[in-house]
Amino acid sequence: MCMAVPSRVVSIDGQMAVVEAFGQTRQTSLMMLDEPVAVGDYLILGAGGNFAAEKVPEETALAAIDYLSQVLEDGLA
């Protein structure tokens, strides 16, 4: 099973972005996305994190991050 964690865009250089989730940063490709991406946007990454699969609204991303934070705090993961 794979769980997608929304990642916030920290910087963009061409078709590559640096994203952050739970204090971890990584590079991901934006080439699979159909819409423009800006610093501060939230993305769902594909398996392995090499490609951004979807841009998600900030409200949705923050709700998911809050839920996942609670799961981790409660020791359920």
PDB file of N, CA and C in Angstrom:
ATOM      1  N   MET A   1       0.838  -1.169   0.000  1.00  0.00           N
ATOM      2  CA  MET A   1       0.000   0.000   0.000  1.00  0.00           C
ATOM      3  C   MET A   1       0.888   1.239   0.000  1.00  0.00           C
ATOM      4  N   CYS A   2       0.450   2.249  -0.700  1.00  0.00           N
ATOM      5  CA  CYS A   2       1.205   3.495  -0.804  1.00  0.00           C
ATOM      6  C   CYS A   2       0.353   4.624  -0.234  1.00  0.00           C
ATOM      7  N   MET A   3       0.953   5.467   0.589  1.00  0.00           N
ATOM      8  CA  MET A   3       0.245   6.618   1.139  1.00  0.00           C
ATOM      9  C   MET A   3       0.874   7.880   0.577  1.00  0.00           C
ATOM     10  N   ALA A   4       0.056   8.717  -0.019  1.00  0.00           N
ATOM     11  CA  ALA A   4       0.556   9.965  -0.595  1.00  0.00           C
ATOM     12  C   ALA A   4       0.509  11.066   0.453  1.00  0.00           C
ATOM     13  N   VAL A   5       1.632  11.709   0.668  1.00  0.00           N
ATOM     14  CA  VAL A   5       1.734  12.815   1.613  1.00  0.00           C
ATOM     15  C   VAL A   5       1.914  14.095   0.806  1.00  0.00           C
ATOM     16  N   PRO A   6       1.046  15.087   0.988  1.00  0.00           N
ATOM     17  CA  PRO A   6       1.233  16.340   0.258  1.00  0.00           C
ATOM     18  C   PRO A   6       2.577  16.977   0.609  1.00  0.00           C
ATOM     19  N   SER A   7       3.251  17.473  -0.418  1.00  0.00           N
ATOM     20  CA  SER A   7       4.556  18.109  -0.248  1.00  0.00           C
ATOM     21  C   SER A   7       4.475  19.545  -0.751  1.00  0.00           C
ATOM     22  N   ARG A   8       5.033  20.485   0.016  1.00  0.00           N
ATOM     23  CA  ARG A   8       5.001  21.908  -0.341  1.00  0.00           C
ATOM     24  C   ARG A   8       6.201  22.249  -1.208  1.00  0.00           C
ATOM     25  N   VAL A   9       5.953  22.985  -2.282  1.00  0.00           N
ATOM     26  CA  VAL A   9       7.025  23.404  -3.187  1.00  0.00           C
ATOM     27  C   VAL A   9       7.847  24.504  -2.516  1.00  0.00           C
ATOM     28  N   VAL A  10       9.155  24.256  -2.413  1.00  0.00           N
ATOM     29  CA  VAL A  10      10.086  25.188  -1.779  1.00  0.00           C
ATOM     30  C   VAL A  10      10.804  26.034  -2.825  1.00  0.00           C
ATOM     31  N   SER A  11      11.169  25.414  -3.946  1.00  0.00           N
ATOM     32  CA  SER A  11      11.832  26.145  -5.028  1.00  0.00           C
ATOM     33  C   SER A  11      11.586  25.417  -6.339  1.00  0.00           C
ATOM     34  N   ILE A  12      11.733  26.171  -7.432  1.00  0.00           N
ATOM     35  CA  ILE A  12      11.528  25.619  -8.774  1.00  0.00           C
ATOM     36  C   ILE A  12      12.684  26.061  -9.655  1.00  0.00           C
ATOM     37  N   ASP A  13      13.195  25.116 -10.449  1.00  0.00           N
ATOM     38  CA  ASP A  13      14.241  25.397 -11.431  1.00  0.00           C
ATOM     39  C   ASP A  13      13.861  24.646 -12.702  1.00  0.00           C
ATOM     40  N   GLY A  14      13.229  25.357 -13.634  1.00  0.00           N
ATOM     41  CA  GLY A  14      12.776  24.712 -14.865  1.00  0.00           C
ATOM     42  C   GLY A  14      11.674  23.709 -14.570  1.00  0.00           C
ATOM     43  N   GLN A  15      11.897  22.460 -14.958  1.00  0.00           N
ATOM     44  CA  GLN A  15      10.915  21.391 -14.743  1.00  0.00           C
ATOM     45  C   GLN A  15      11.194  20.583 -13.474  1.00  0.00           C
ATOM     46  N   MET A  16      12.085  21.074 -12.629  1.00  0.00           N
ATOM     47  CA  MET A  16      12.392  20.400 -11.365  1.00  0.00           C
ATOM     48  C   MET A  16      11.999  21.303 -10.198  1.00  0.00           C
ATOM     49  N   ALA A  17      11.515  20.667  -9.135  1.00  0.00           N
ATOM     50  CA  ALA A  17      11.150  21.411  -7.928  1.00  0.00           C
ATOM     51  C   ALA A  17      11.752  20.730  -6.713  1.00  0.00           C
ATOM     52  N   VAL A  18      12.044  21.531  -5.706  1.00  0.00           N
ATOM     53  CA  VAL A  18      12.388  21.000  -4.392  1.00  0.00           C
ATOM     54  C   VAL A  18      11.113  21.112  -3.570  1.00  0.00           C
ATOM     55  N   VAL A  19      10.712  19.997  -2.962  1.00  0.00           N
ATOM     56  CA  VAL A  19       9.503  19.960  -2.150  1.00  0.00           C
ATOM     57  C   VAL A  19       9.853  19.514  -0.734  1.00  0.00           C
ATOM     58  N   GLU A  20       8.977  19.868   0.212  1.00  0.00           N
ATOM     59  CA  GLU A  20       9.202  19.540   1.621  1.00  0.00           C
ATOM     60  C   GLU A  20       7.945  18.931   2.212  1.00  0.00           C
ATOM     61  N   ALA A  21       8.142  17.882   3.001  1.00  0.00           N
ATOM     62  CA  ALA A  21       7.054  17.268   3.764  1.00  0.00           C
ATOM     63  C   ALA A  21       7.630  16.728   5.066  1.00  0.00           C
ATOM     64  N   PHE A  22       7.048  17.130   6.173  1.00  0.00           N
ATOM     65  CA  PHE A  22       7.478  16.671   7.500  1.00  0.00           C
ATOM     66  C   PHE A  22       8.980  16.865   7.720  1.00  0.00           C
ATOM     67  N   GLY A  23       9.505  18.021   7.254  1.00  0.00           N
ATOM     68  CA  GLY A  23      10.904  18.349   7.482  1.00  0.00           C
ATOM     69  C   GLY A  23      11.892  17.704   6.526  1.00  0.00           C
ATOM     70  N   GLN A  24      11.420  16.884   5.624  1.00  0.00           N
ATOM     71  CA  GLN A  24      12.289  16.219   4.642  1.00  0.00           C
ATOM     72  C   GLN A  24      12.125  16.918   3.291  1.00  0.00           C
ATOM     73  N   THR A  25      13.239  17.196   2.620  1.00  0.00           N
ATOM     74  CA  THR A  25      13.167  17.787   1.283  1.00  0.00           C
ATOM     75  C   THR A  25      13.642  16.782   0.244  1.00  0.00           C
ATOM     76  N   ARG A  26      13.127  16.952  -0.963  1.00  0.00           N
ATOM     77  CA  ARG A  26      13.564  16.109  -2.085  1.00  0.00           C
ATOM     78  C   ARG A  26      13.291  16.850  -3.378  1.00  0.00           C
ATOM     79  N   GLN A  27      13.970  16.416  -4.436  1.00  0.00           N
ATOM     80  CA  GLN A  27      13.728  16.957  -5.772  1.00  0.00           C
ATOM     81  C   GLN A  27      12.708  16.084  -6.473  1.00  0.00           C
ATOM     82  N   THR A  28      11.849  16.727  -7.262  1.00  0.00           N
ATOM     83  CA  THR A  28      10.867  15.997  -8.041  1.00  0.00           C
ATOM     84  C   THR A  28      10.658  16.702  -9.377  1.00  0.00           C
ATOM     85  N   SER A  29      10.302  15.939 -10.383  1.00  0.00           N
ATOM     86  CA  SER A  29      10.058  16.488 -11.712  1.00  0.00           C
ATOM     87  C   SER A  29       8.614  16.978 -11.820  1.00  0.00           C
ATOM     88  N   LEU A  30       8.438  18.095 -12.513  1.00  0.00           N
ATOM     89  CA  LEU A  30       7.112  18.669 -12.744  1.00  0.00           C
ATOM     90  C   LEU A  30       6.575  18.333 -14.130  1.00  0.00           C
ATOM     91  N   MET A  31       7.338  17.572 -14.912  1.00  0.00           N
ATOM     92  CA  MET A  31       6.992  17.378 -16.324  1.00  0.00           C
ATOM     93  C   MET A  31       5.675  16.642 -16.560  1.00  0.00           C
ATOM     94  N   MET A  32       5.129  15.942 -15.574  1.00  0.00           N
ATOM     95  CA  MET A  32       3.877  15.201 -15.750  1.00  0.00           C
ATOM     96  C   MET A  32       2.639  16.053 -15.454  1.00  0.00           C
ATOM     97  N   LEU A  33       2.837  17.259 -14.936  1.00  0.00           N
ATOM     98  CA  LEU A  33       1.706  18.099 -14.549  1.00  0.00           C
ATOM     99  C   LEU A  33       1.200  18.924 -15.724  1.00  0.00           C
ATOM    100  N   ASP A  34      -0.128  19.125 -15.754  1.00  0.00           N
ATOM    101  CA  ASP A  34      -0.762  19.899 -16.820  1.00  0.00           C
ATOM    102  C   ASP A  34      -0.926  21.376 -16.477  1.00  0.00           C
ATOM    103  N   GLU A  35      -0.727  21.720 -15.215  1.00  0.00           N
ATOM    104  CA  GLU A  35      -0.962  23.100 -14.797  1.00  0.00           C
ATOM    105  C   GLU A  35       0.301  23.707 -14.197  1.00  0.00           C
ATOM    106  N   PRO A  36       0.397  25.037 -14.218  1.00  0.00           N
ATOM    107  CA  PRO A  36       1.580  25.694 -13.662  1.00  0.00           C
ATOM    108  C   PRO A  36       1.688  25.457 -12.155  1.00  0.00           C
ATOM    109  N   VAL A  37       2.913  25.449 -11.673  1.00  0.00           N
ATOM    110  CA  VAL A  37       3.193  25.252 -10.253  1.00  0.00           C
ATOM    111  C   VAL A  37       4.033  26.425  -9.768  1.00  0.00           C
ATOM    112  N   ALA A  38       3.719  26.909  -8.566  1.00  0.00           N
ATOM    113  CA  ALA A  38       4.456  28.023  -7.972  1.00  0.00           C
ATOM    114  C   ALA A  38       4.978  27.613  -6.600  1.00  0.00           C
ATOM    115  N   VAL A  39       5.989  28.328  -6.138  1.00  0.00           N
ATOM    116  CA  VAL A  39       6.497  28.111  -4.784  1.00  0.00           C
ATOM    117  C   VAL A  39       5.329  28.294  -3.814  1.00  0.00           C
ATOM    118  N   GLY A  40       5.197  27.367  -2.883  1.00  0.00           N
ATOM    119  CA  GLY A  40       4.110  27.395  -1.907  1.00  0.00           C
ATOM    120  C   GLY A  40       2.960  26.472  -2.256  1.00  0.00           C
ATOM    121  N   ASP A  41       2.880  26.028  -3.513  1.00  0.00           N
ATOM    122  CA  ASP A  41       1.846  25.067  -3.908  1.00  0.00           C
ATOM    123  C   ASP A  41       2.120  23.716  -3.265  1.00  0.00           C
ATOM    124  N   TYR A  42       1.093  22.882  -3.212  1.00  0.00           N
ATOM    125  CA  TYR A  42       1.226  21.530  -2.666  1.00  0.00           C
ATOM    126  C   TYR A  42       1.046  20.505  -3.775  1.00  0.00           C
ATOM    127  N   LEU A  43       1.886  19.480  -3.745  1.00  0.00           N
ATOM    128  CA  LEU A  43       1.873  18.433  -4.758  1.00  0.00           C
ATOM    129  C   LEU A  43       1.769  17.063  -4.111  1.00  0.00           C
ATOM    130  N   ILE A  44       1.152  16.143  -4.838  1.00  0.00           N
ATOM    131  CA  ILE A  44       1.195  14.725  -4.497  1.00  0.00           C
ATOM    132  C   ILE A  44       2.225  14.115  -5.436  1.00  0.00           C
ATOM    133  N   LEU A  45       3.175  13.381  -4.876  1.00  0.00           N
ATOM    134  CA  LEU A  45       4.232  12.769  -5.677  1.00  0.00           C
ATOM    135  C   LEU A  45       3.876  11.334  -6.008  1.00  0.00           C
ATOM    136  N   GLY A  46       4.317  10.883  -7.173  1.00  0.00           N
ATOM    137  CA  GLY A  46       4.134   9.490  -7.559  1.00  0.00           C
ATOM    138  C   GLY A  46       5.029   8.585  -6.733  1.00  0.00           C
ATOM    139  N   ALA A  47       4.824   7.300  -6.868  1.00  0.00           N
ATOM    140  CA  ALA A  47       5.631   6.314  -6.138  1.00  0.00           C
ATOM    141  C   ALA A  47       7.111   6.594  -6.362  1.00  0.00           C
ATOM    142  N   GLY A  48       7.870   6.633  -5.302  1.00  0.00           N
ATOM    143  CA  GLY A  48       9.297   6.932  -5.386  1.00  0.00           C
ATOM    144  C   GLY A  48       9.602   8.415  -5.316  1.00  0.00           C
ATOM    145  N   GLY A  49       8.601   9.256  -5.555  1.00  0.00           N
ATOM    146  CA  GLY A  49       8.775  10.696  -5.432  1.00  0.00           C
ATOM    147  C   GLY A  49       9.502  11.374  -6.567  1.00  0.00           C
ATOM    148  N   ASN A  50       9.802  10.636  -7.637  1.00  0.00           N
ATOM    149  CA  ASN A  50      10.563  11.229  -8.737  1.00  0.00           C
ATOM    150  C   ASN A  50       9.743  12.179  -9.598  1.00  0.00           C
ATOM    151  N   PHE A  51       8.421  11.998  -9.612  1.00  0.00           N
ATOM    152  CA  PHE A  51       7.546  12.825 -10.431  1.00  0.00           C
ATOM    153  C   PHE A  51       6.367  13.321  -9.608  1.00  0.00           C
ATOM    154  N   ALA A  52       6.019  14.596  -9.785  1.00  0.00           N
ATOM    155  CA  ALA A  52       4.802  15.123  -9.183  1.00  0.00           C
ATOM    156  C   ALA A  52       3.628  14.583  -9.989  1.00  0.00           C
ATOM    157  N   ALA A  53       2.630  14.034  -9.302  1.00  0.00           N
ATOM    158  CA  ALA A  53       1.492  13.430  -9.982  1.00  0.00           C
ATOM    159  C   ALA A  53       0.285  14.357 -10.033  1.00  0.00           C
ATOM    160  N   GLU A  54       0.177  15.240  -9.033  1.00  0.00           N
ATOM    161  CA  GLU A  54      -1.023  16.067  -8.946  1.00  0.00           C
ATOM    162  C   GLU A  54      -0.757  17.291  -8.074  1.00  0.00           C
ATOM    163  N   LYS A  55      -1.336  18.419  -8.469  1.00  0.00           N
ATOM    164  CA  LYS A  55      -1.326  19.622  -7.637  1.00  0.00           C
ATOM    165  C   LYS A  55      -2.620  19.600  -6.828  1.00  0.00           C
ATOM    166  N   VAL A  56      -2.529  19.860  -5.529  1.00  0.00           N
ATOM    167  CA  VAL A  56      -3.726  19.810  -4.685  1.00  0.00           C
ATOM    168  C   VAL A  56      -3.956  21.167  -4.025  1.00  0.00           C
ATOM    169  N   PRO A  57      -5.231  21.494  -3.765  1.00  0.00           N
ATOM    170  CA  PRO A  57      -5.520  22.762  -3.092  1.00  0.00           C
ATOM    171  C   PRO A  57      -4.888  22.805  -1.704  1.00  0.00           C
ATOM    172  N   GLU A  58      -4.472  23.990  -1.288  1.00  0.00           N
ATOM    173  CA  GLU A  58      -3.815  24.148   0.010  1.00  0.00           C
ATOM    174  C   GLU A  58      -4.685  23.618   1.147  1.00  0.00           C
ATOM    175  N   GLU A  59      -5.975  23.915   1.114  1.00  0.00           N
ATOM    176  CA  GLU A  59      -6.879  23.465   2.183  1.00  0.00           C
ATOM    177  C   GLU A  59      -6.884  21.937   2.298  1.00  0.00           C
ATOM    178  N   THR A  60      -6.925  21.258   1.177  1.00  0.00           N
ATOM    179  CA  THR A  60      -6.904  19.791   1.159  1.00  0.00           C
ATOM    180  C   THR A  60      -5.576  19.268   1.687  1.00  0.00           C
ATOM    181  N   ALA A  61      -4.484  19.879   1.235  1.00  0.00           N
ATOM    182  CA  ALA A  61      -3.152  19.445   1.666  1.00  0.00           C
ATOM    183  C   ALA A  61      -2.972  19.626   3.166  1.00  0.00           C
ATOM    184  N   LEU A  62      -3.378  20.781   3.686  1.00  0.00           N
ATOM    185  CA  LEU A  62      -3.202  21.042   5.111  1.00  0.00           C
ATOM    186  C   LEU A  62      -4.058  20.114   5.963  1.00  0.00           C
ATOM    187  N   ALA A  63      -5.262  19.784   5.496  1.00  0.00           N
ATOM    188  CA  ALA A  63      -6.116  18.839   6.226  1.00  0.00           C
ATOM    189  C   ALA A  63      -5.466  17.462   6.266  1.00  0.00           C
ATOM    190  N   ALA A  64      -4.897  17.025   5.153  1.00  0.00           N
ATOM    191  CA  ALA A  64      -4.227  15.717   5.101  1.00  0.00           C
ATOM    192  C   ALA A  64      -2.994  15.706   6.001  1.00  0.00           C
ATOM    193  N   ILE A  65      -2.215  16.779   5.970  1.00  0.00           N
ATOM    194  CA  ILE A  65      -1.016  16.867   6.808  1.00  0.00           C
ATOM    195  C   ILE A  65      -1.402  16.848   8.287  1.00  0.00           C
ATOM    196  N   ASP A  66      -2.471  17.564   8.645  1.00  0.00           N
ATOM    197  CA  ASP A  66      -2.938  17.574  10.033  1.00  0.00           C
ATOM    198  C   ASP A  66      -3.358  16.173  10.469  1.00  0.00           C
ATOM    199  N   TYR A  67      -4.108  15.486   9.617  1.00  0.00           N
ATOM    200  CA  TYR A  67      -4.544  14.124   9.932  1.00  0.00           C
ATOM    201  C   TYR A  67      -3.341  13.193  10.102  1.00  0.00           C
ATOM    202  N   LEU A  68      -2.404  13.239   9.177  1.00  0.00           N
ATOM    203  CA  LEU A  68      -1.222  12.375   9.261  1.00  0.00           C
ATOM    204  C   LEU A  68      -0.376  12.702  10.492  1.00  0.00           C
ATOM    205  N   SER A  69      -0.301  13.977  10.854  1.00  0.00           N
ATOM    206  CA  SER A  69       0.430  14.365  12.065  1.00  0.00           C
ATOM    207  C   SER A  69      -0.209  13.742  13.300  1.00  0.00           C
ATOM    208  N   GLN A  70      -1.541  13.750  13.355  1.00  0.00           N
ATOM    209  CA  GLN A  70      -2.254  13.145  14.486  1.00  0.00           C
ATOM    210  C   GLN A  70      -2.014  11.639  14.549  1.00  0.00           C
ATOM    211  N   VAL A  71      -2.037  10.978  13.404  1.00  0.00           N
ATOM    212  CA  VAL A  71      -1.785   9.533  13.353  1.00  0.00           C
ATOM    213  C   VAL A  71      -0.393   9.228  13.893  1.00  0.00           C
ATOM    214  N   LEU A  72       0.590  10.006  13.474  1.00  0.00           N
ATOM    215  CA  LEU A  72       1.962   9.795  13.942  1.00  0.00           C
ATOM    216  C   LEU A  72       2.096  10.074  15.437  1.00  0.00           C
ATOM    217  N   GLU A  73       1.459  11.151  15.910  1.00  0.00           N
ATOM    218  CA  GLU A  73       1.519  11.486  17.336  1.00  0.00           C
ATOM    219  C   GLU A  73       0.867  10.408  18.197  1.00  0.00           C
ATOM    220  N   ASP A  74      -0.216   9.821  17.689  1.00  0.00           N
ATOM    221  CA  ASP A  74      -0.948   8.798  18.442  1.00  0.00           C
ATOM    222  C   ASP A  74      -0.296   7.425  18.341  1.00  0.00           C
ATOM    223  N   GLY A  75       0.787   7.334  17.573  1.00  0.00           N
ATOM    224  CA  GLY A  75       1.497   6.066  17.435  1.00  0.00           C
ATOM    225  C   GLY A  75       0.744   5.026  16.634  1.00  0.00           C
ATOM    226  N   LEU A  76      -0.114   5.478  15.743  1.00  0.00           N
ATOM    227  CA  LEU A  76      -0.914   4.545  14.946  1.00  0.00           C
ATOM    228  C   LEU A  76      -0.249   4.168  13.636  1.00  0.00           C
ATOM    229  N   ALA A  77       0.904   4.739  13.379  1.00  0.00           N
ATOM    230  CA  ALA A  77       1.604   4.414  12.127  1.00  0.00           C
ATOM    231  C   ALA A  77       2.962   3.844  12.424  1.00  0.00           C
TER     232      ALA A  77
END
